[in-house]
Amino acid sequence: MCRHLAYLGPAMPLADLVLTPPHSLLRQSWAPADMRGGGTINADGHGVGWYPTPGAAPVRHRSASPLWTDTSFASWAGAVSAGAVLAAVRSATVGMPVTESANAPFLDGQWLFSHNGKVTGWPHSVAELAETLPATDLLTLDAGTDSALLWALLRRRLRAGEPAATAVPDLLRTVAAAAPDSRLNLLLTDGTNIVATTWWYSLSVRHTGNSVIVASEPTDERDWQPVPDRHLVLANSSTLDIIPLEDH
């Protein structure tokens, strides 16, 4: 399993989102609070993607090492600010590779994506779904993992013009039908909006009226709203909707 977060709002240092809060992703990498039977630590890599200015293409930093060992990132994260960020720490599913390219965020154009969970029965359960992708998409997967395949499937929908607010839940339902009991907390942003799901995993939201942060676990003691299981989150810095997936 993994832990992830996305932020939209006034520009702030990456360190203030990822490293310095009392229960930051840094702390969650070695002391997560709610893994729900999906492991004990998130030490198999990490990644941070951010948008340097509104409308700019995202920039990405990824590493296969635990976040707490990345002294390079720690040295400059306080000097880089952004108003849109997606970050994750990884706990690799047994049998899947531990490589830099296996870490979220996955990137395409304006999109950043993360998956917290696992696809049960991998890879056989989703082999037919994989066959729907062009051969070039399969040959250029970031890694041989369930998360990378989910991203390829979602990316194809987005490139075809499907709105993110429908592409994400539709993909979730398709994968859940093919691989029952999968854990599918998906997180997507284009730097302006966030789309997220809960599917057998934890998620919380804090919305202030001019900012929003969606995270696997609250990063501090301020007012967070837990997202119920099997719900869709649609958010930007000024609006927040939490919708039962059965109703969407």
C-alpha atoms as a PDB file:
ATOM      1  CA  MET A   1       0.000   0.000   0.000  1.00  0.00           C
ATOM      2  CA  CYS A   2       0.994   3.666  -0.066  1.00  0.00           C
ATOM      3  CA  ARG A   3       0.137   7.069   1.367  1.00  0.00           C
ATOM      4  CA  HIS A   4      -0.570  10.078  -0.815  1.00  0.00           C
ATOM      5  CA  LEU A   5      -1.835  13.651  -0.801  1.00  0.00           C
ATOM      6  CA  ALA A   6      -2.810  16.428  -3.180  1.00  0.00           C
ATOM      7  CA  TYR A   7      -2.950  20.159  -2.451  1.00  0.00           C
ATOM      8  CA  LEU A   8      -4.452  23.161  -4.249  1.00  0.00           C
ATOM      9  CA  GLY A   9      -4.287  26.691  -2.887  1.00  0.00           C
ATOM     10  CA  PRO A  10      -1.897  29.560  -2.225  1.00  0.00           C
ATOM     11  CA  ALA A  11       1.696  28.721  -3.069  1.00  0.00           C
ATOM     12  CA  MET A  12       3.599  27.192  -0.171  1.00  0.00           C
ATOM     13  CA  PRO A  13       6.964  25.428   0.239  1.00  0.00           C
ATOM     14  CA  LEU A  14       6.960  21.741  -0.633  1.00  0.00           C
ATOM     15  CA  ALA A  15       8.508  21.063   2.762  1.00  0.00           C
ATOM     16  CA  ASP A  16       5.440  22.519   4.499  1.00  0.00           C
ATOM     17  CA  LEU A  17       3.266  19.915   2.763  1.00  0.00           C
ATOM     18  CA  VAL A  18       5.521  16.861   2.689  1.00  0.00           C
ATOM     19  CA  LEU A  19       8.099  17.140   5.473  1.00  0.00           C
ATOM     20  CA  THR A  20       7.266  19.437   8.375  1.00  0.00           C
ATOM     21  CA  PRO A  21       3.639  18.815   9.484  1.00  0.00           C
ATOM     22  CA  PRO A  22       3.343  16.694  12.663  1.00  0.00           C
ATOM     23  CA  HIS A  23       2.001  13.713  10.698  1.00  0.00           C
ATOM     24  CA  SER A  24       3.519  14.554   7.311  1.00  0.00           C
ATOM     25  CA  LEU A  25       4.187  12.087   4.533  1.00  0.00           C
ATOM     26  CA  LEU A  26       7.702  11.925   5.933  1.00  0.00           C
ATOM     27  CA  ARG A  27       6.345  10.583   9.229  1.00  0.00           C
ATOM     28  CA  GLN A  28       3.815   8.384   7.416  1.00  0.00           C
ATOM     29  CA  SER A  29       6.681   6.772   5.527  1.00  0.00           C
ATOM     30  CA  TRP A  30       7.831   5.120   8.772  1.00  0.00           C
ATOM     31  CA  ALA A  31       4.838   5.528  11.142  1.00  0.00           C
ATOM     32  CA  PRO A  32       1.534   5.449   9.217  1.00  0.00           C
ATOM     33  CA  ALA A  33      -1.610   5.492  11.332  1.00  0.00           C
ATOM     34  CA  ASP A  34      -4.106   3.633   9.144  1.00  0.00           C
ATOM     35  CA  MET A  35      -2.683   1.066   6.734  1.00  0.00           C
ATOM     36  CA  ARG A  36      -5.699  -1.263   7.216  1.00  0.00           C
ATOM     37  CA  GLY A  37      -3.730  -4.454   6.937  1.00  0.00           C
ATOM     38  CA  GLY A  38      -1.770  -3.246   3.920  1.00  0.00           C
ATOM     39  CA  GLY A  39       1.685  -3.163   5.503  1.00  0.00           C
ATOM     40  CA  THR A  40       3.484  -1.392   8.308  1.00  0.00           C
ATOM     41  CA  ILE A  41       5.748   1.204   6.645  1.00  0.00           C
ATOM     42  CA  ASN A  42       6.050   3.015   3.315  1.00  0.00           C
ATOM     43  CA  ALA A  43       9.738   2.594   2.593  1.00  0.00           C
ATOM     44  CA  ASP A  44       9.780   1.509  -1.059  1.00  0.00           C
ATOM     45  CA  GLY A  45      10.182   4.919  -2.620  1.00  0.00           C
ATOM     46  CA  HIS A  46       8.486   8.281  -2.898  1.00  0.00           C
ATOM     47  CA  GLY A  47       7.601  11.007  -5.340  1.00  0.00           C
ATOM     48  CA  VAL A  48       6.501  14.624  -5.475  1.00  0.00           C
ATOM     49  CA  GLY A  49       4.980  16.452  -8.438  1.00  0.00           C
ATOM     50  CA  TRP A  50       4.195  20.164  -8.511  1.00  0.00           C
ATOM     51  CA  TYR A  51       3.150  22.960 -10.846  1.00  0.00           C
ATOM     52  CA  PRO A  52       5.727  25.782 -10.720  1.00  0.00           C
ATOM     53  CA  THR A  53       3.146  28.375 -11.795  1.00  0.00           C
ATOM     54  CA  PRO A  54      -0.588  28.180 -12.561  1.00  0.00           C
ATOM     55  CA  GLY A  55      -1.082  26.511 -15.930  1.00  0.00           C
ATOM     56  CA  ALA A  56       2.512  25.342 -16.214  1.00  0.00           C
ATOM     57  CA  ALA A  57       3.395  21.727 -16.903  1.00  0.00           C
ATOM     58  CA  PRO A  58       4.156  19.800 -13.718  1.00  0.00           C
ATOM     59  CA  VAL A  59       7.655  19.009 -12.499  1.00  0.00           C
ATOM     60  CA  ARG A  60       8.362  15.669 -10.848  1.00  0.00           C
ATOM     61  CA  HIS A  61      10.888  14.240  -8.391  1.00  0.00           C
ATOM     62  CA  ARG A  62      10.896  10.476  -7.754  1.00  0.00           C
ATOM     63  CA  SER A  63      13.193   8.098  -5.898  1.00  0.00           C
ATOM     64  CA  ALA A  64      13.221   4.388  -5.048  1.00  0.00           C
ATOM     65  CA  SER A  65      14.625   5.147  -1.597  1.00  0.00           C
ATOM     66  CA  PRO A  66      12.633   5.867   1.577  1.00  0.00           C
ATOM     67  CA  LEU A  67      11.660   9.499   1.961  1.00  0.00           C
ATOM     68  CA  TRP A  68      13.590   9.785   5.231  1.00  0.00           C
ATOM     69  CA  THR A  69      16.861   9.013   3.393  1.00  0.00           C
ATOM     70  CA  ASP A  70      16.385  11.624   0.662  1.00  0.00           C
ATOM     71  CA  THR A  71      18.612  14.363   2.038  1.00  0.00           C
ATOM     72  CA  SER A  72      18.770  16.012  -1.378  1.00  0.00           C
ATOM     73  CA  PHE A  73      15.007  16.601  -1.467  1.00  0.00           C
ATOM     74  CA  ALA A  74      15.049  17.794   2.138  1.00  0.00           C
ATOM     75  CA  SER A  75      17.751  20.333   1.263  1.00  0.00           C
ATOM     76  CA  TRP A  76      15.702  22.124  -1.400  1.00  0.00           C
ATOM     77  CA  ALA A  77      12.062  21.367  -0.552  1.00  0.00           C
ATOM     78  CA  GLY A  78      11.859  24.459   1.652  1.00  0.00           C
ATOM     79  CA  ALA A  79      13.049  26.683  -1.177  1.00  0.00           C
ATOM     80  CA  VAL A  80      10.528  25.515  -3.806  1.00  0.00           C
ATOM     81  CA  SER A  81       6.927  26.713  -3.504  1.00  0.00           C
ATOM     82  CA  ALA A  82       3.849  25.694  -5.466  1.00  0.00           C
ATOM     83  CA  GLY A  83       0.098  26.124  -5.324  1.00  0.00           C
ATOM     84  CA  ALA A  84      -0.636  22.643  -6.701  1.00  0.00           C
ATOM     85  CA  VAL A  85       1.128  19.501  -5.488  1.00  0.00           C
ATOM     86  CA  LEU A  86       0.689  15.715  -5.539  1.00  0.00           C
ATOM     87  CA  ALA A  87       3.002  13.577  -3.412  1.00  0.00           C
ATOM     88  CA  ALA A  88       3.198   9.935  -2.337  1.00  0.00           C
ATOM     89  CA  VAL A  89       5.238   7.430  -0.362  1.00  0.00           C
ATOM     90  CA  ARG A  90       5.183   3.777  -1.439  1.00  0.00           C
ATOM     91  CA  SER A  91       4.799   0.395   0.184  1.00  0.00           C
ATOM     92  CA  ALA A  92       5.298  -2.023  -2.693  1.00  0.00           C
ATOM     93  CA  THR A  93       2.999  -5.012  -3.035  1.00  0.00           C
ATOM     94  CA  VAL A  94       4.945  -8.261  -2.636  1.00  0.00           C
ATOM     95  CA  GLY A  95       6.366  -9.355  -5.978  1.00  0.00           C
ATOM     96  CA  MET A  96       6.260  -5.933  -7.608  1.00  0.00           C
ATOM     97  CA  PRO A  97       9.481  -4.088  -8.493  1.00  0.00           C
ATOM     98  CA  VAL A  98      11.015  -1.432  -6.272  1.00  0.00           C
ATOM     99  CA  THR A  99      12.261   1.073  -8.819  1.00  0.00           C
ATOM    100  CA  GLU A 100      12.103   4.828  -9.233  1.00  0.00           C
ATOM    101  CA  SER A 101       9.695   4.534 -12.159  1.00  0.00           C
ATOM    102  CA  ALA A 102       7.221   2.504 -10.068  1.00  0.00           C
ATOM    103  CA  ASN A 103       6.583   5.457  -7.776  1.00  0.00           C
ATOM    104  CA  ALA A 104       3.766   7.962  -7.991  1.00  0.00           C
ATOM    105  CA  PRO A 105       3.115  10.511  -9.190  1.00  0.00           C
ATOM    106  CA  PHE A 106       2.683   9.200 -12.703  1.00  0.00           C
ATOM    107  CA  LEU A 107       2.702  12.037 -15.224  1.00  0.00           C
ATOM    108  CA  ASP A 108       1.235  12.853 -18.625  1.00  0.00           C
ATOM    109  CA  GLY A 109       0.853  16.410 -19.907  1.00  0.00           C
ATOM    110  CA  GLN A 110      -0.946  18.355 -17.170  1.00  0.00           C
ATOM    111  CA  TRP A 111      -1.947  15.246 -15.219  1.00  0.00           C
ATOM    112  CA  LEU A 112      -0.437  13.784 -12.063  1.00  0.00           C
ATOM    113  CA  PHE A 113      -1.779  10.467 -10.721  1.00  0.00           C
ATOM    114  CA  SER A 114      -1.361   8.210  -7.705  1.00  0.00           C
ATOM    115  CA  HIS A 115      -2.881   4.888  -6.621  1.00  0.00           C
ATOM    116  CA  ASN A 116      -3.046   3.802  -2.985  1.00  0.00           C
ATOM    117  CA  GLY A 117      -3.999   0.128  -2.762  1.00  0.00           C
ATOM    118  CA  LYS A 118      -3.606  -3.009  -4.817  1.00  0.00           C
ATOM    119  CA  VAL A 119      -5.313  -4.945  -7.597  1.00  0.00           C
ATOM    120  CA  THR A 120      -6.152  -8.427  -6.357  1.00  0.00           C
ATOM    121  CA  GLY A 121      -5.198 -11.359  -8.540  1.00  0.00           C
ATOM    122  CA  TRP A 122      -2.583  -9.288 -10.347  1.00  0.00           C
ATOM    123  CA  PRO A 123      -1.768  -9.653 -13.185  1.00  0.00           C
ATOM    124  CA  HIS A 124      -4.212 -12.312 -14.363  1.00  0.00           C
ATOM    125  CA  SER A 125      -7.351 -10.569 -13.062  1.00  0.00           C
ATOM    126  CA  VAL A 126      -6.829  -7.527 -15.287  1.00  0.00           C
ATOM    127  CA  ALA A 127      -5.197  -9.192 -18.283  1.00  0.00           C
ATOM    128  CA  GLU A 128      -8.277  -8.625 -20.454  1.00  0.00           C
ATOM    129  CA  LEU A 129      -8.327  -4.943 -19.509  1.00  0.00           C
ATOM    130  CA  ALA A 130      -4.656  -4.658 -20.423  1.00  0.00           C
ATOM    131  CA  GLU A 131      -5.444  -6.151 -23.828  1.00  0.00           C
ATOM    132  CA  THR A 132      -7.656  -3.133 -24.596  1.00  0.00           C
ATOM    133  CA  LEU A 133      -4.620  -0.855 -24.573  1.00  0.00           C
ATOM    134  CA  PRO A 134      -2.521  -0.178 -27.666  1.00  0.00           C
ATOM    135  CA  ALA A 135       0.661  -2.260 -27.710  1.00  0.00           C
ATOM    136  CA  THR A 136       2.768   0.896 -27.434  1.00  0.00           C
ATOM    137  CA  ASP A 137       1.052   1.819 -24.164  1.00  0.00           C
ATOM    138  CA  LEU A 138       1.868  -1.593 -22.703  1.00  0.00           C
ATOM    139  CA  LEU A 139       5.439  -1.483 -23.961  1.00  0.00           C
ATOM    140  CA  THR A 140       5.992   1.933 -22.393  1.00  0.00           C
ATOM    141  CA  LEU A 141       4.460   1.357 -18.941  1.00  0.00           C
ATOM    142  CA  ASP A 142       6.415   3.170 -16.251  1.00  0.00           C
ATOM    143  CA  ALA A 143       6.805  -0.151 -14.421  1.00  0.00           C
ATOM    144  CA  GLY A 144       5.388  -3.652 -14.299  1.00  0.00           C
ATOM    145  CA  THR A 145       2.941  -2.801 -11.511  1.00  0.00           C
ATOM    146  CA  ASP A 146      -0.788  -2.588 -10.973  1.00  0.00           C
ATOM    147  CA  SER A 147      -0.570   1.169 -10.382  1.00  0.00           C
ATOM    148  CA  ALA A 148       1.250   1.769 -13.664  1.00  0.00           C
ATOM    149  CA  LEU A 149      -1.390  -0.233 -15.544  1.00  0.00           C
ATOM    150  CA  LEU A 150      -4.202   1.680 -13.841  1.00  0.00           C
ATOM    151  CA  TRP A 151      -2.530   4.885 -14.952  1.00  0.00           C
ATOM    152  CA  ALA A 152      -2.239   3.666 -18.542  1.00  0.00           C
ATOM    153  CA  LEU A 153      -5.932   2.739 -18.564  1.00  0.00           C
ATOM    154  CA  LEU A 154      -6.944   6.087 -17.084  1.00  0.00           C
ATOM    155  CA  ARG A 155      -4.591   8.071 -19.284  1.00  0.00           C
ATOM    156  CA  ARG A 156      -6.163   6.543 -22.388  1.00  0.00           C
ATOM    157  CA  ARG A 157      -9.597   7.795 -21.259  1.00  0.00           C
ATOM    158  CA  LEU A 158      -8.270  11.272 -20.509  1.00  0.00           C
ATOM    159  CA  ARG A 159      -6.483  11.524 -23.847  1.00  0.00           C
ATOM    160  CA  ALA A 160      -9.749  10.588 -25.554  1.00  0.00           C
ATOM    161  CA  GLY A 161     -11.390  13.610 -23.930  1.00  0.00           C
ATOM    162  CA  GLU A 162     -13.351  11.884 -21.182  1.00  0.00           C
ATOM    163  CA  PRO A 163     -13.837  14.242 -18.211  1.00  0.00           C
ATOM    164  CA  ALA A 164     -11.757  13.273 -15.210  1.00  0.00           C
ATOM    165  CA  ALA A 165     -14.832  13.325 -12.961  1.00  0.00           C
ATOM    166  CA  THR A 166     -16.300  10.416 -14.936  1.00  0.00           C
ATOM    167  CA  ALA A 167     -13.118   8.707 -16.156  1.00  0.00           C
ATOM    168  CA  VAL A 168     -11.832   8.009 -12.637  1.00  0.00           C
ATOM    169  CA  PRO A 169     -14.975   6.397 -11.145  1.00  0.00           C
ATOM    170  CA  ASP A 170     -15.713   4.520 -14.380  1.00  0.00           C
ATOM    171  CA  LEU A 171     -12.225   3.017 -14.353  1.00  0.00           C
ATOM    172  CA  LEU A 172     -12.586   2.117 -10.678  1.00  0.00           C
ATOM    173  CA  ARG A 173     -15.822   0.230 -11.314  1.00  0.00           C
ATOM    174  CA  THR A 174     -14.320  -1.584 -14.296  1.00  0.00           C
ATOM    175  CA  VAL A 175     -11.287  -2.737 -12.329  1.00  0.00           C
ATOM    176  CA  ALA A 176     -13.343  -3.627  -9.245  1.00  0.00           C
ATOM    177  CA  ALA A 177     -15.570  -5.828 -11.394  1.00  0.00           C
ATOM    178  CA  ALA A 178     -12.586  -7.603 -12.938  1.00  0.00           C
ATOM    179  CA  ALA A 179     -10.652  -7.888  -9.678  1.00  0.00           C
ATOM    180  CA  PRO A 180     -13.045  -7.996  -6.696  1.00  0.00           C
ATOM    181  CA  ASP A 181     -11.678  -6.992  -3.289  1.00  0.00           C
ATOM    182  CA  SER A 182      -9.135  -4.652  -4.862  1.00  0.00           C
ATOM    183  CA  ARG A 183      -8.156  -1.531  -2.948  1.00  0.00           C
ATOM    184  CA  LEU A 184      -8.556   1.423  -5.264  1.00  0.00           C
ATOM    185  CA  ASN A 185      -7.925   4.804  -3.723  1.00  0.00           C
ATOM    186  CA  LEU A 186      -7.137   6.852  -6.825  1.00  0.00           C
ATOM    187  CA  LEU A 187      -5.864  10.439  -6.822  1.00  0.00           C
ATOM    188  CA  LEU A 188      -5.646  12.687  -9.895  1.00  0.00           C
ATOM    189  CA  THR A 189      -4.984  16.371 -10.460  1.00  0.00           C
ATOM    190  CA  ASP A 190      -4.355  18.720 -13.363  1.00  0.00           C
ATOM    191  CA  GLY A 191      -3.184  21.526 -11.088  1.00  0.00           C
ATOM    192  CA  THR A 192      -6.652  23.088 -10.956  1.00  0.00           C
ATOM    193  CA  ASN A 193      -8.931  20.265  -9.797  1.00  0.00           C
ATOM    194  CA  ILE A 194      -8.558  17.111  -7.713  1.00  0.00           C
ATOM    195  CA  VAL A 195     -10.437  13.865  -8.309  1.00  0.00           C
ATOM    196  CA  ALA A 196     -10.065  11.152  -5.681  1.00  0.00           C
ATOM    197  CA  THR A 197     -11.762   7.930  -4.632  1.00  0.00           C
ATOM    198  CA  THR A 198     -12.069   5.806  -1.531  1.00  0.00           C
ATOM    199  CA  TRP A 199     -12.367   2.068  -2.117  1.00  0.00           C
ATOM    200  CA  TRP A 200     -11.412   0.017   0.935  1.00  0.00           C
ATOM    201  CA  TYR A 201      -8.884   2.565   2.134  1.00  0.00           C
ATOM    202  CA  SER A 202      -8.648   5.716   4.229  1.00  0.00           C
ATOM    203  CA  LEU A 203      -8.883   9.302   2.959  1.00  0.00           C
ATOM    204  CA  SER A 204      -9.465  12.691   4.583  1.00  0.00           C
ATOM    205  CA  VAL A 205     -10.052  16.214   3.282  1.00  0.00           C
ATOM    206  CA  ARG A 206      -9.399  19.662   4.719  1.00  0.00           C
ATOM    207  CA  HIS A 207     -11.049  22.547   2.843  1.00  0.00           C
ATOM    208  CA  THR A 208     -10.530  26.143   3.977  1.00  0.00           C
ATOM    209  CA  GLY A 209     -12.405  28.121   1.337  1.00  0.00           C
ATOM    210  CA  ASN A 210      -9.278  29.081  -0.581  1.00  0.00           C
ATOM    211  CA  SER A 211      -7.343  25.807  -0.368  1.00  0.00           C
ATOM    212  CA  VAL A 212      -7.911  22.075  -0.219  1.00  0.00           C
ATOM    213  CA  ILE A 213      -5.760  19.137   0.769  1.00  0.00           C
ATOM    214  CA  VAL A 214      -6.806  15.538   0.172  1.00  0.00           C
ATOM    215  CA  ALA A 215      -4.693  12.976   2.002  1.00  0.00           C
ATOM    216  CA  SER A 216      -4.614   9.322   3.017  1.00  0.00           C
ATOM    217  CA  GLU A 217      -4.211  10.505   6.614  1.00  0.00           C
ATOM    218  CA  PRO A 218      -4.582  13.939   8.260  1.00  0.00           C
ATOM    219  CA  THR A 219      -1.187  15.598   8.416  1.00  0.00           C
ATOM    220  CA  ASP A 220      -1.931  17.769  11.455  1.00  0.00           C
ATOM    221  CA  GLU A 221      -4.499  18.390  14.209  1.00  0.00           C
ATOM    222  CA  ARG A 222      -6.620  20.907  12.315  1.00  0.00           C
ATOM    223  CA  ASP A 223     -10.168  20.268  11.120  1.00  0.00           C
ATOM    224  CA  TRP A 224     -10.163  17.329   8.714  1.00  0.00           C
ATOM    225  CA  GLN A 225     -13.184  15.596   7.263  1.00  0.00           C
ATOM    226  CA  PRO A 226     -12.942  11.813   6.858  1.00  0.00           C
ATOM    227  CA  VAL A 227     -14.206  10.573   3.511  1.00  0.00           C
ATOM    228  CA  PRO A 228     -16.480   7.515   3.793  1.00  0.00           C
ATOM    229  CA  ASP A 229     -15.580   4.352   1.932  1.00  0.00           C
ATOM    230  CA  ARG A 230     -16.755   4.079  -1.682  1.00  0.00           C
ATOM    231  CA  HIS A 231     -17.005   7.798  -2.292  1.00  0.00           C
ATOM    232  CA  LEU A 232     -15.781  10.175  -4.968  1.00  0.00           C
ATOM    233  CA  VAL A 233     -14.114  13.478  -4.079  1.00  0.00           C
ATOM    234  CA  LEU A 234     -14.279  16.380  -6.540  1.00  0.00           C
ATOM    235  CA  ALA A 235     -12.418  19.424  -5.265  1.00  0.00           C
ATOM    236  CA  ASN A 236     -10.674  22.627  -6.132  1.00  0.00           C
ATOM    237  CA  SER A 237      -9.512  25.510  -3.968  1.00  0.00           C
ATOM    238  CA  SER A 238     -13.037  26.940  -3.676  1.00  0.00           C
ATOM    239  CA  THR A 239     -15.411  23.940  -3.890  1.00  0.00           C
ATOM    240  CA  LEU A 240     -15.676  20.449  -2.437  1.00  0.00           C
ATOM    241  CA  ASP A 241     -18.104  17.643  -3.317  1.00  0.00           C
ATOM    242  CA  ILE A 242     -18.078  14.179  -1.750  1.00  0.00           C
ATOM    243  CA  ILE A 243     -20.387  11.836  -3.634  1.00  0.00           C
ATOM    244  CA  PRO A 244     -21.282   8.180  -3.052  1.00  0.00           C
ATOM    245  CA  LEU A 245     -19.852   6.209  -5.949  1.00  0.00           C
ATOM    246  CA  GLU A 246     -23.113   4.313  -6.236  1.00  0.00           C
ATOM    247  CA  ASP A 247     -24.816   7.614  -7.091  1.00  0.00           C
ATOM    248  CA  HIS A 248     -22.280   8.766  -9.662  1.00  0.00           C
END
